[in-house]
Every structure is written in C-alpha cells, then in structure tokens.
N, C-alpha and C. Protein backbone atom coordinates (compact mmCIF):
# COMPACT_ATOMS: atom_id res chain seq x y z
N MET A 1 19.05 -30.53 0.18
CA MET A 1 18.34 -29.38 0.62
C MET A 1 16.62 -30.21 1.16
N ALA A 2 16.03 -29.88 1.73
CA ALA A 2 14.82 -30.38 2.05
C ALA A 2 13.62 -29.92 1.93
N GLN A 3 12.15 -29.94 1.74
CA GLN A 3 11.62 -29.13 2.24
C GLN A 3 10.11 -29.61 2.94
N ALA A 4 10.02 -29.74 4.11
CA ALA A 4 9.31 -29.25 5.07
C ALA A 4 8.13 -29.77 5.13
N GLY A 5 7.64 -29.08 4.14
CA GLY A 5 5.88 -29.30 3.73
C GLY A 5 5.76 -27.76 3.52
N SER A 6 4.23 -27.92 3.14
CA SER A 6 3.35 -26.27 3.03
C SER A 6 1.85 -26.71 3.47
N LEU A 7 1.23 -25.47 4.17
CA LEU A 7 -0.20 -25.56 4.03
C LEU A 7 -0.18 -24.45 3.51
N CYS A 8 -1.91 -24.15 3.58
CA CYS A 8 -2.57 -22.64 2.76
C CYS A 8 -3.75 -22.53 3.99
N ASP A 9 -4.19 -21.22 3.96
CA ASP A 9 -5.30 -21.04 4.69
C ASP A 9 -5.87 -20.05 4.05
N LYS A 10 -7.07 -19.85 3.69
CA LYS A 10 -7.99 -19.38 3.22
C LYS A 10 -8.16 -17.79 4.67
N VAL A 11 -7.47 -16.74 3.85
CA VAL A 11 -7.81 -15.36 4.47
C VAL A 11 -9.03 -14.46 4.24
N ASP A 12 -10.01 -13.98 4.84
CA ASP A 12 -10.79 -13.03 4.12
C ASP A 12 -9.91 -11.98 4.42
N TYR A 13 -10.15 -11.01 3.21
CA TYR A 13 -9.68 -9.61 2.83
C TYR A 13 -10.65 -9.03 2.43
N ASP A 14 -10.79 -7.96 3.36
CA ASP A 14 -12.10 -7.24 2.86
C ASP A 14 -11.51 -5.52 2.73
N ILE A 15 -12.07 -4.77 1.58
CA ILE A 15 -11.33 -3.92 1.03
C ILE A 15 -12.80 -3.01 1.14
N LYS A 16 -12.87 -1.44 1.27
CA LYS A 16 -13.26 -0.31 1.29
C LYS A 16 -12.62 0.99 1.22
N ASN A 17 -13.95 1.45 -0.53
CA ASN A 17 -13.57 2.61 -0.69
C ASN A 17 -14.79 3.92 -0.64
N LEU A 18 -14.01 4.77 -0.69
CA LEU A 18 -14.96 5.61 -0.28
C LEU A 18 -14.10 7.21 -1.95
N VAL A 19 -14.93 7.48 -2.51
CA VAL A 19 -14.24 8.85 -3.49
C VAL A 19 -15.25 9.63 -3.81
N ALA A 20 -15.20 10.48 -3.28
CA ALA A 20 -15.85 11.65 -3.72
C ALA A 20 -15.19 13.20 -4.32
N TYR A 21 -16.13 13.38 -5.89
CA TYR A 21 -14.93 14.53 -6.46
C TYR A 21 -15.84 15.46 -7.32
N ALA A 22 -16.16 16.50 -7.31
CA ALA A 22 -16.38 17.38 -7.48
C ALA A 22 -15.50 18.75 -8.33
N ASN A 23 -16.08 19.09 -9.69
CA ASN A 23 -15.45 19.70 -10.31
C ASN A 23 -15.79 21.39 -10.78
N PHE A 24 -15.26 22.40 -11.39
CA PHE A 24 -15.64 23.71 -11.61
C PHE A 24 -14.77 23.95 -12.79
N ASP A 25 -15.34 24.15 -13.91
CA ASP A 25 -14.89 24.57 -15.20
C ASP A 25 -15.91 26.24 -16.13
N TYR A 26 -15.50 27.19 -16.00
CA TYR A 26 -16.24 28.50 -16.15
C TYR A 26 -15.53 28.99 -16.83
N GLN A 27 -16.60 29.13 -18.37
CA GLN A 27 -15.73 30.51 -19.45
C GLN A 27 -16.10 31.81 -18.95
N LEU A 28 -15.10 32.63 -18.19
CA LEU A 28 -15.30 33.48 -17.46
C LEU A 28 -15.69 35.09 -19.15
N LEU A 29 -14.16 34.63 -19.73
CA LEU A 29 -14.45 35.74 -21.33
C LEU A 29 -13.98 34.74 -22.10
N ASP A 30 -14.30 35.11 -23.20
CA ASP A 30 -13.62 34.52 -24.72
C ASP A 30 -12.32 33.37 -24.57
N ASN A 31 -11.65 34.34 -24.31
CA ASN A 31 -10.03 33.99 -23.78
C ASN A 31 -9.45 33.73 -22.36
N LEU A 32 -10.72 33.56 -21.60
CA LEU A 32 -9.91 32.89 -19.79
C LEU A 32 -11.01 32.36 -19.86
N ARG A 33 -10.51 31.14 -19.34
CA ARG A 33 -10.93 29.83 -18.25
C ARG A 33 -11.14 29.56 -17.20
N LEU A 34 -11.79 29.28 -15.96
CA LEU A 34 -11.22 29.20 -14.61
C LEU A 34 -11.71 27.54 -14.64
N PHE A 35 -10.55 27.19 -13.61
CA PHE A 35 -11.27 25.66 -13.76
C PHE A 35 -10.91 25.25 -11.70
N ALA A 36 -11.54 24.53 -11.35
CA ALA A 36 -11.21 23.95 -9.95
C ALA A 36 -11.72 22.33 -9.81
N ASP A 37 -11.21 22.02 -9.03
CA ASP A 37 -11.52 20.25 -8.58
C ASP A 37 -11.05 20.04 -7.21
N VAL A 38 -11.58 19.12 -6.31
CA VAL A 38 -11.83 18.71 -5.10
C VAL A 38 -11.72 17.10 -5.12
N SER A 39 -11.36 16.84 -4.64
CA SER A 39 -11.65 15.26 -4.38
C SER A 39 -11.24 14.63 -2.85
N TYR A 40 -11.99 13.81 -2.32
CA TYR A 40 -11.98 13.06 -1.56
C TYR A 40 -11.44 11.64 -1.26
N THR A 41 -10.84 11.15 -1.28
CA THR A 41 -10.45 9.67 -1.36
C THR A 41 -10.65 8.89 0.68
N TRP A 42 -11.23 7.85 1.09
CA TRP A 42 -10.80 6.82 2.22
C TRP A 42 -11.45 5.70 1.67
N SER A 43 -9.96 4.94 2.02
CA SER A 43 -9.59 3.59 1.69
C SER A 43 -9.57 2.52 2.77
N LYS A 44 -10.04 0.96 3.00
CA LYS A 44 -9.56 0.98 4.03
C LYS A 44 -9.47 -0.79 3.75
N ALA A 45 -8.45 -1.34 3.83
CA ALA A 45 -8.37 -2.80 3.98
C ALA A 45 -7.14 -3.40 5.42
N ASP A 46 -8.53 -4.65 5.95
CA ASP A 46 -8.45 -5.54 6.28
C ASP A 46 -8.15 -6.82 6.31
N ALA A 47 -7.36 -7.92 7.12
CA ALA A 47 -7.42 -9.35 6.97
C ALA A 47 -7.66 -9.97 8.26
N ASP A 48 -8.11 -11.02 8.20
CA ASP A 48 -8.03 -11.95 9.22
C ASP A 48 -6.32 -12.19 9.41
N ASP A 49 -6.14 -13.46 10.47
CA ASP A 49 -4.43 -13.62 10.85
C ASP A 49 -4.92 -14.74 10.37
N PRO A 50 -4.18 -15.66 9.26
CA PRO A 50 -3.80 -16.98 8.96
C PRO A 50 -3.97 -18.18 10.18
N ASP A 51 -4.27 -19.02 9.94
CA ASP A 51 -4.30 -20.18 10.75
C ASP A 51 -4.40 -21.50 10.27
N PHE A 52 -3.20 -21.76 10.61
CA PHE A 52 -2.76 -23.05 9.77
C PHE A 52 -2.51 -24.60 10.40
N GLY A 53 -3.52 -24.34 11.24
CA GLY A 53 -3.57 -25.29 12.60
C GLY A 53 -2.57 -25.58 13.70
N ASN A 54 -1.96 -26.94 13.80
CA ASN A 54 -1.38 -27.37 15.45
C ASN A 54 0.33 -26.91 14.29
N PRO A 55 1.06 -26.19 15.43
CA PRO A 55 2.40 -25.83 14.77
C PRO A 55 3.14 -26.73 14.36
N TRP A 56 3.88 -27.11 13.86
CA TRP A 56 5.16 -28.01 12.58
C TRP A 56 5.48 -28.88 13.86
N LYS A 57 5.95 -30.11 13.62
CA LYS A 57 7.22 -30.98 14.88
C LYS A 57 7.83 -30.41 13.99
N VAL A 58 9.25 -30.48 14.91
CA VAL A 58 10.45 -30.87 14.66
C VAL A 58 10.87 -32.04 13.51
N ILE A 59 11.37 -31.57 12.55
CA ILE A 59 11.74 -33.39 11.53
C ILE A 59 13.02 -32.70 11.56
N THR A 60 13.41 -34.20 11.54
CA THR A 60 15.04 -34.88 11.72
C THR A 60 15.27 -35.91 10.74
N THR A 61 16.70 -35.68 10.14
CA THR A 61 16.94 -36.91 9.53
C THR A 61 17.59 -37.88 10.11
N HIS A 62 17.40 -37.87 11.38
CA HIS A 62 18.18 -39.15 12.22
C HIS A 62 17.30 -39.32 13.14
N GLY A 63 16.25 -39.15 13.12
CA GLY A 63 15.27 -39.68 14.49
C GLY A 63 15.05 -39.31 15.87
N GLY A 64 15.87 -38.53 16.11
CA GLY A 64 15.72 -37.43 16.97
C GLY A 64 14.53 -36.94 16.95
N THR A 65 14.36 -35.74 18.46
CA THR A 65 13.11 -34.87 18.66
C THR A 65 14.09 -33.63 18.85
N ALA A 66 13.49 -32.57 19.01
CA ALA A 66 13.72 -31.39 19.53
C ALA A 66 14.42 -31.38 21.10
N GLU A 67 13.75 -32.55 22.01
CA GLU A 67 13.74 -32.35 23.23
C GLU A 67 15.15 -33.27 23.25
N ASP A 68 15.39 -34.00 22.37
CA ASP A 68 15.88 -35.10 22.29
C ASP A 68 16.87 -35.53 21.20
N PRO A 69 17.04 -34.74 20.78
CA PRO A 69 18.17 -34.94 19.33
C PRO A 69 19.25 -35.90 19.64
N HIS A 70 18.91 -37.05 18.52
CA HIS A 70 19.84 -37.90 18.35
C HIS A 70 21.52 -37.75 18.81
N PRO A 71 22.07 -38.81 19.67
CA PRO A 71 23.61 -38.43 20.54
C PRO A 71 24.32 -37.60 19.54
N SER A 72 24.87 -38.07 17.93
CA SER A 72 25.71 -38.04 17.28
C SER A 72 24.98 -36.51 15.88
N PHE A 73 23.89 -35.83 16.68
CA PHE A 73 23.28 -34.60 16.35
C PHE A 73 24.18 -33.27 16.46
N LYS A 74 25.23 -32.91 15.41
CA LYS A 74 25.81 -31.83 15.71
C LYS A 74 25.28 -30.65 14.48
N PRO A 75 25.02 -29.23 15.30
CA PRO A 75 24.79 -28.42 14.43
C PRO A 75 25.88 -27.87 13.40
N GLY A 76 25.11 -27.63 11.92
CA GLY A 76 26.38 -27.57 10.80
C GLY A 76 26.83 -28.97 10.01
N ASN A 77 26.59 -29.78 10.88
CA ASN A 77 27.09 -31.34 10.13
C ASN A 77 25.70 -31.62 9.01
N ASP A 78 26.10 -31.47 7.90
CA ASP A 78 24.99 -31.75 7.04
C ASP A 78 24.34 -33.13 6.84
N PRO A 79 24.84 -34.37 7.29
CA PRO A 79 23.91 -35.05 7.52
C PRO A 79 23.05 -35.30 8.50
N TRP A 80 23.26 -34.13 9.18
CA TRP A 80 21.90 -34.24 10.41
C TRP A 80 21.20 -32.75 10.50
N PHE A 81 20.42 -32.69 9.97
CA PHE A 81 20.01 -31.23 10.27
C PHE A 81 18.69 -31.81 11.09
N VAL A 82 17.60 -30.34 11.28
CA VAL A 82 17.07 -30.06 11.99
C VAL A 82 16.09 -29.04 11.41
N ILE A 83 14.74 -29.49 11.18
CA ILE A 83 14.15 -27.82 10.46
C ILE A 83 12.97 -27.94 11.75
N THR A 84 13.09 -26.66 12.15
CA THR A 84 11.67 -26.01 13.04
C THR A 84 11.08 -25.02 12.12
N TYR A 85 9.32 -25.23 12.73
CA TYR A 85 8.66 -24.47 12.13
C TYR A 85 7.71 -23.73 13.35
N THR A 86 7.92 -22.43 12.95
CA THR A 86 6.51 -21.90 14.38
C THR A 86 5.50 -21.35 13.49
N ASN A 87 4.14 -21.52 13.69
CA ASN A 87 3.20 -21.21 12.79
C ASN A 87 2.03 -19.73 13.35
N ASP A 88 2.75 -19.69 14.28
CA ASP A 88 2.19 -18.23 14.83
C ASP A 88 2.10 -17.30 14.66
N MET A 89 1.11 -16.54 13.96
CA MET A 89 1.18 -15.73 12.84
C MET A 89 -0.18 -14.80 13.46
N ASP A 90 0.08 -14.61 15.01
CA ASP A 90 -0.44 -13.80 15.91
C ASP A 90 -0.13 -12.51 15.33
N ASP A 91 -1.30 -11.36 14.68
CA ASP A 91 -0.57 -9.93 14.20
C ASP A 91 -0.11 -9.91 13.13
N MET A 92 -0.12 -10.82 12.24
CA MET A 92 0.17 -11.14 10.79
C MET A 92 -0.78 -10.04 10.12
N SER A 93 -1.94 -9.75 10.44
CA SER A 93 -2.63 -9.12 9.42
C SER A 93 -2.57 -7.13 9.65
N ASP A 94 -1.54 -7.06 10.82
CA ASP A 94 -0.83 -5.93 10.83
C ASP A 94 -0.31 -5.51 9.77
N TRP A 95 0.51 -6.33 9.08
CA TRP A 95 1.29 -6.35 8.07
C TRP A 95 0.54 -5.80 6.76
N TYR A 96 -0.87 -5.99 6.58
CA TYR A 96 -1.69 -5.75 5.35
C TYR A 96 -3.05 -4.68 5.71
N ASP A 97 -2.93 -4.51 7.07
CA ASP A 97 -3.79 -3.70 7.41
C ASP A 97 -3.88 -2.11 6.90
N LEU A 98 -4.77 -1.54 6.12
CA LEU A 98 -4.93 -0.46 5.55
C LEU A 98 -5.25 0.51 5.70
N GLU A 99 -5.13 1.81 6.10
CA GLU A 99 -6.31 2.87 5.85
C GLU A 99 -6.10 4.35 5.85
N TYR A 100 -6.54 4.72 4.79
CA TYR A 100 -5.70 6.32 4.68
C TYR A 100 -6.74 7.24 4.13
N GLU A 101 -6.63 8.70 3.76
CA GLU A 101 -7.51 9.17 3.43
C GLU A 101 -6.46 10.23 2.70
N ILE A 102 -7.27 10.38 1.55
CA ILE A 102 -6.18 11.42 0.87
C ILE A 102 -7.65 12.73 0.01
N PHE A 103 -7.45 14.06 0.61
CA PHE A 103 -7.97 15.24 0.50
C PHE A 103 -6.63 15.87 -1.13
N GLU A 104 -7.69 16.32 -2.38
CA GLU A 104 -6.87 16.98 -2.76
C GLU A 104 -7.69 18.15 -3.50
N VAL A 105 -7.04 19.60 -3.61
CA VAL A 105 -7.92 20.60 -4.36
C VAL A 105 -7.20 21.47 -5.38
N SER A 106 -7.48 21.68 -6.16
CA SER A 106 -6.57 22.08 -7.58
C SER A 106 -7.17 23.24 -7.86
N GLY A 107 -7.21 24.40 -8.74
CA GLY A 107 -7.48 25.60 -9.56
C GLY A 107 -6.28 26.50 -9.96
N GLY A 108 -7.12 26.69 -11.51
CA GLY A 108 -6.42 27.53 -12.25
C GLY A 108 -6.82 28.07 -13.12
N PHE A 109 -5.88 28.46 -14.49
CA PHE A 109 -6.82 29.53 -15.55
C PHE A 109 -6.21 29.16 -16.88
N GLU A 110 -6.73 29.03 -17.87
CA GLU A 110 -6.27 28.60 -19.33
C GLU A 110 -6.29 30.21 -19.96
N PHE A 111 -5.97 30.87 -20.35
CA PHE A 111 -5.78 32.35 -21.01
C PHE A 111 -5.17 32.32 -22.64
N ASN A 112 -5.96 32.28 -23.41
CA ASN A 112 -5.75 32.19 -25.09
C ASN A 112 -5.39 33.52 -25.05
N ILE A 113 -3.65 33.48 -25.54
CA ILE A 113 -2.81 34.97 -25.80
C ILE A 113 -3.60 35.09 -27.39
N MET A 114 -3.13 33.97 -27.90
CA MET A 114 -3.86 34.32 -29.33
C MET A 114 -4.46 33.12 -29.81
N LYS A 115 -4.76 32.40 -31.15
CA LYS A 115 -6.04 31.45 -31.62
C LYS A 115 -5.67 30.16 -31.31
N ASN A 116 -4.13 30.10 -31.23
CA ASN A 116 -3.56 28.45 -31.49
C ASN A 116 -2.59 28.85 -29.86
N LEU A 117 -2.13 29.58 -29.26
CA LEU A 117 -1.81 30.20 -28.32
C LEU A 117 -2.19 30.56 -26.97
N SER A 118 -1.97 29.35 -25.86
CA SER A 118 -2.61 29.91 -24.44
C SER A 118 -1.28 30.07 -23.55
N LEU A 119 -1.99 30.34 -22.44
CA LEU A 119 -0.61 30.20 -21.05
C LEU A 119 -1.99 29.00 -19.99
N LYS A 120 -1.44 28.31 -19.78
CA LYS A 120 -2.52 27.56 -18.45
C LYS A 120 -1.57 27.19 -17.23
N ALA A 121 -2.29 27.72 -15.82
CA ALA A 121 -1.66 27.71 -14.66
C ALA A 121 -2.24 27.05 -13.87
N VAL A 122 -2.25 26.02 -13.04
CA VAL A 122 -2.38 25.28 -12.31
C VAL A 122 -2.09 24.90 -10.92
N ALA A 123 -2.53 25.42 -9.60
CA ALA A 123 -2.10 24.89 -8.19
C ALA A 123 -2.51 23.60 -7.57
N THR A 124 -2.04 23.18 -6.80
CA THR A 124 -2.56 21.83 -6.14
C THR A 124 -1.92 21.64 -4.82
N TYR A 125 -2.90 21.42 -3.95
CA TYR A 125 -2.58 20.72 -2.58
C TYR A 125 -3.31 19.53 -2.58
N ARG A 126 -2.26 18.75 -1.90
CA ARG A 126 -2.72 16.95 -1.95
C ARG A 126 -2.18 16.99 0.17
N ASN A 127 -3.15 16.74 0.94
CA ASN A 127 -2.86 15.67 2.14
C ASN A 127 -2.99 14.22 1.35
N PHE A 128 -1.78 13.53 2.11
CA PHE A 128 -1.87 11.86 2.54
C PHE A 128 -1.79 11.98 4.21
N ASP A 129 -2.84 11.19 4.62
CA ASP A 129 -3.02 11.25 5.89
C ASP A 129 -3.40 9.62 5.91
N ASP A 130 -2.06 8.74 6.74
CA ASP A 130 -2.11 7.11 6.79
C ASP A 130 -2.83 7.17 7.91
N LYS A 131 -3.78 6.35 8.43
CA LYS A 131 -4.08 6.03 9.55
C LYS A 131 -3.47 5.06 10.17
N GLU A 132 -3.11 4.30 9.61
CA GLU A 132 -2.56 3.01 9.84
C GLU A 132 -1.15 2.91 9.58
N GLU A 133 -0.08 2.50 10.22
CA GLU A 133 1.33 2.61 9.98
C GLU A 133 1.18 1.16 9.32
N TYR A 134 2.00 1.15 8.17
CA TYR A 134 2.35 0.15 7.34
C TYR A 134 3.28 -0.33 7.46
N LEU A 135 3.53 -1.61 8.33
CA LEU A 135 4.79 -2.23 8.35
C LEU A 135 5.93 -1.58 9.54
N TYR A 136 6.19 -0.44 9.07
CA TYR A 136 7.18 0.15 9.95
C TYR A 136 7.03 1.44 10.23
N GLU A 137 5.96 2.46 9.73
CA GLU A 137 6.39 4.23 9.61
C GLU A 137 4.79 4.36 9.19
N ASP A 138 4.61 5.83 9.87
CA ASP A 138 3.37 6.28 9.50
C ASP A 138 3.78 7.19 8.02
N ASN A 139 3.29 7.26 6.94
CA ASN A 139 3.51 8.10 5.83
C ASN A 139 2.44 8.97 5.17
N ASP A 140 2.44 9.99 6.69
CA ASP A 140 1.52 10.95 6.53
C ASP A 140 2.51 12.28 5.56
N GLY A 141 1.80 12.91 5.16
CA GLY A 141 2.55 13.86 4.44
C GLY A 141 1.79 15.05 3.29
N GLU A 142 1.85 16.11 3.13
CA GLU A 142 0.84 16.94 2.35
C GLU A 142 2.13 17.43 1.05
N ILE A 143 1.80 17.82 0.09
CA ILE A 143 2.25 18.60 -0.87
C ILE A 143 2.19 19.57 -1.46
N TYR A 144 2.46 20.77 -1.95
CA TYR A 144 2.22 21.83 -2.74
C TYR A 144 2.91 21.67 -4.09
N LEU A 145 1.46 21.81 -5.38
CA LEU A 145 1.97 21.82 -6.53
C LEU A 145 1.70 23.10 -7.56
N ILE A 146 3.22 23.76 -8.16
CA ILE A 146 2.28 24.80 -9.35
C ILE A 146 2.77 24.56 -10.50
N ASN A 147 2.41 24.31 -11.72
CA ASN A 147 2.40 24.06 -12.45
C ASN A 147 1.95 25.06 -13.78
N ALA A 148 2.96 25.50 -14.41
CA ALA A 148 2.53 26.29 -15.68
C ALA A 148 2.93 25.84 -16.69
N SER A 149 1.85 26.03 -18.16
CA SER A 149 2.52 25.97 -19.36
C SER A 149 2.14 26.58 -20.77
N LEU A 150 2.97 26.62 -21.62
CA LEU A 150 2.70 27.61 -22.52
C LEU A 150 2.13 26.40 -24.00
N ILE A 151 1.28 26.36 -24.35
CA ILE A 151 0.36 25.48 -25.03
C ILE A 151 0.44 25.69 -26.66
N TRP A 152 1.01 25.03 -27.67
CA TRP A 152 0.77 26.01 -28.62
C TRP A 152 -0.35 24.77 -29.69
N LYS A 153 -1.19 25.00 -29.94
CA LYS A 153 -2.20 23.85 -30.86
C LYS A 153 -2.25 24.06 -32.07
N PHE A 154 -2.10 23.04 -32.89
CA PHE A 154 -1.62 23.25 -34.64
C PHE A 154 -2.65 22.17 -34.86
C-alpha cells in the first residue's frame, strides 16, 4: 500500500443566521394561563471550491507514465500499480452550501384543576423550507403537533 501524497487548501466558509422570536404569556384567570410563541429562523452557509493547484501526475512503481506505461504493467499485478488522482473540485461547494427557513408557531393553555394538579395543552405548527438541496434532495416539510399533559406538582 502506498500513499500518493496529500495537499490542503484553506477554504472560506461563511455562515449567516437570523432568528426572530416573540412570546405571549397571559394569566386570564386565577386558574387559567394562556401562552403563545412564534419564531422565524433563516440560516445560510456557503464556501468556496477548494483549489489544490495542478492535478497530480500519475505515480508508478515501474517508471512508466499514464500515456506510456511500462511494457510489463498489467492491471491487478501487485508489484506494478498506477495511482491517478484528479483534483477537479468544481462544484464541490454545492455539497455544503446550505440555506433554510424555519417558521414555528405554538399556543396553548394551562388550567389549574387544584392547587397541585393542572392540565396543559399545546398545539404547534412548524414549517421547514430547504432553499438549497443538500447532496441529494430537497428536505421541505411541515409538522403539526398537539401535546396534552396532566401535571402533578409536589
């Protein structure tokens, strides 16, 4: 086994985020509290394509070249191997360019049945909008959630 070599390139990677959030909490009665939340998140990340310089040359253990391999070179013959590498990284930045928006709204109530026993219910809607397909597919989606709980305080 042989190592052909390694190169590195510093790549500029930018991340931008924006988050907006608002909350409402109101004690309507002594035993009834109403609440609601709304949030919006936008995030974007992008980077340059790396540049490793000129493509690597073909490296052989037998002194040949890619155009004119040694006459005794046979693929799969262990003593004679050729390592080729292309460093064409065009469009690599597509792998990690990200942009998405998330919108979420929720609301509910908490009703005190007794001093230490209450009922709480929350409904939530969340929308995820994938602006840049990451690797293979678009990951848009939305979800509706309803949570109910009985709370015992001690």
